[in-house]
Protein backbone atom coordinates (compact mmCIF):
# COMPACT_ATOMS: atom_id res chain seq x y z
CA MET A 1 10.71 -8.38 -14.87
CA ALA A 2 8.17 -5.66 -15.43
CA LEU A 3 6.84 -5.68 -18.96
CA HIS A 4 3.72 -3.77 -18.15
CA PRO A 5 3.30 -0.78 -20.56
CA HIS A 6 3.26 1.71 -17.69
CA ALA A 7 6.50 0.31 -16.30
CA LEU A 8 8.19 0.60 -19.72
CA GLN A 9 6.90 4.14 -20.14
CA ASP A 10 8.18 5.14 -16.69
CA GLN A 11 11.60 3.66 -17.51
CA ALA A 12 11.70 5.54 -20.82
CA LEU A 13 10.84 8.80 -19.06
CA GLY A 14 13.53 8.08 -16.48
CA ASP A 15 16.11 7.45 -19.19
CA GLU A 16 15.12 10.66 -20.97
CA ALA A 17 15.34 12.64 -17.72
CA ALA A 18 18.76 11.16 -16.98
CA ARG A 19 19.95 12.02 -20.50
CA SER A 20 18.59 15.55 -20.17
CA ALA A 21 20.29 16.00 -16.80
CA LYS A 22 23.56 14.73 -18.26
CA GLN A 23 23.30 17.22 -21.15
CA ARG A 24 22.61 20.08 -18.72
CA ARG A 25 25.64 19.13 -16.63
CA PHE A 26 27.77 18.99 -19.78
CA TRP A 27 26.68 22.45 -20.94
CA TRP A 28 27.17 23.96 -17.47
CA ALA A 29 30.66 22.45 -17.32
CA ALA A 30 31.41 23.75 -20.82
CA LEU A 31 30.23 27.21 -19.81
CA VAL A 32 32.38 27.21 -16.68
CA VAL A 33 35.43 26.06 -18.66
CA ALA A 34 34.85 28.80 -21.27
CA ILE A 35 34.54 31.48 -18.57
CA VAL A 36 37.68 30.28 -16.79
CA LEU A 37 39.67 30.17 -20.04
CA GLY A 38 38.43 33.64 -20.99
CA ALA A 39 39.41 35.02 -17.59
CA TYR A 40 42.82 33.36 -17.86
CA ALA A 41 43.43 34.80 -21.34
CA GLY A 42 42.35 38.26 -20.19
CA ALA A 43 44.58 38.13 -17.11
CA LEU A 44 47.50 36.90 -19.19
CA ALA A 45 47.06 39.75 -21.69
CA TRP A 46 46.83 42.30 -18.86
CA VAL A 47 49.97 41.01 -17.14
CA THR A 48 51.84 40.92 -20.45
CA LYS A 49 51.00 44.57 -21.14
CA ARG A 50 52.07 45.58 -17.63
CA VAL A 51 55.40 43.76 -17.90
CA GLU A 52 56.00 45.08 -21.41
CA ALA A 53 55.37 48.66 -20.27
CA GLY A 54 57.75 48.19 -17.34
CA VAL A 55 60.48 46.82 -19.60
CA GLU A 56 60.05 49.71 -22.05
CA ARG A 57 60.39 52.21 -19.20
CA SER A 58 63.50 50.52 -17.86
CA ILE A 59 65.42 50.54 -21.15
CA GLN A 60 68.10 53.20 -21.05
CA PRO A 61 69.37 54.83 -24.23
CA LEU A 62 72.97 54.13 -25.12
CA PRO A 63 75.46 56.83 -24.20
CA MET A 64 76.45 59.13 -27.05
CA MET A 65 79.93 57.63 -27.33
CA MET A 66 78.44 54.16 -27.96
CA GLN A 67 75.95 55.20 -30.63
CA ASP A 68 77.09 54.99 -34.27
CA ARG A 69 80.75 55.21 -33.35
CA PRO A 70 83.01 55.33 -36.39
CA PRO A 71 85.58 52.53 -36.55
CA ASP A 72 89.01 53.40 -35.13
CA GLY A 73 92.02 53.34 -37.32
CA GLY A 74 92.43 53.83 -40.85
């Protein structure tokens, strides 16, 4: 067991470096997840607008005889 002050200091620096590396990996992963989610949301909004525009164009107006037809009979 190394209880020499230099050995303890080296271990503390190693622990701090490992913690710092872990934090950097976490923030990089968080950044990648945020970018992917943003791209997904943007693509979903774009596709939704395209589909919505296509549906609006495909809707045909009702023929005149079907619009506001008065009830038959008396």
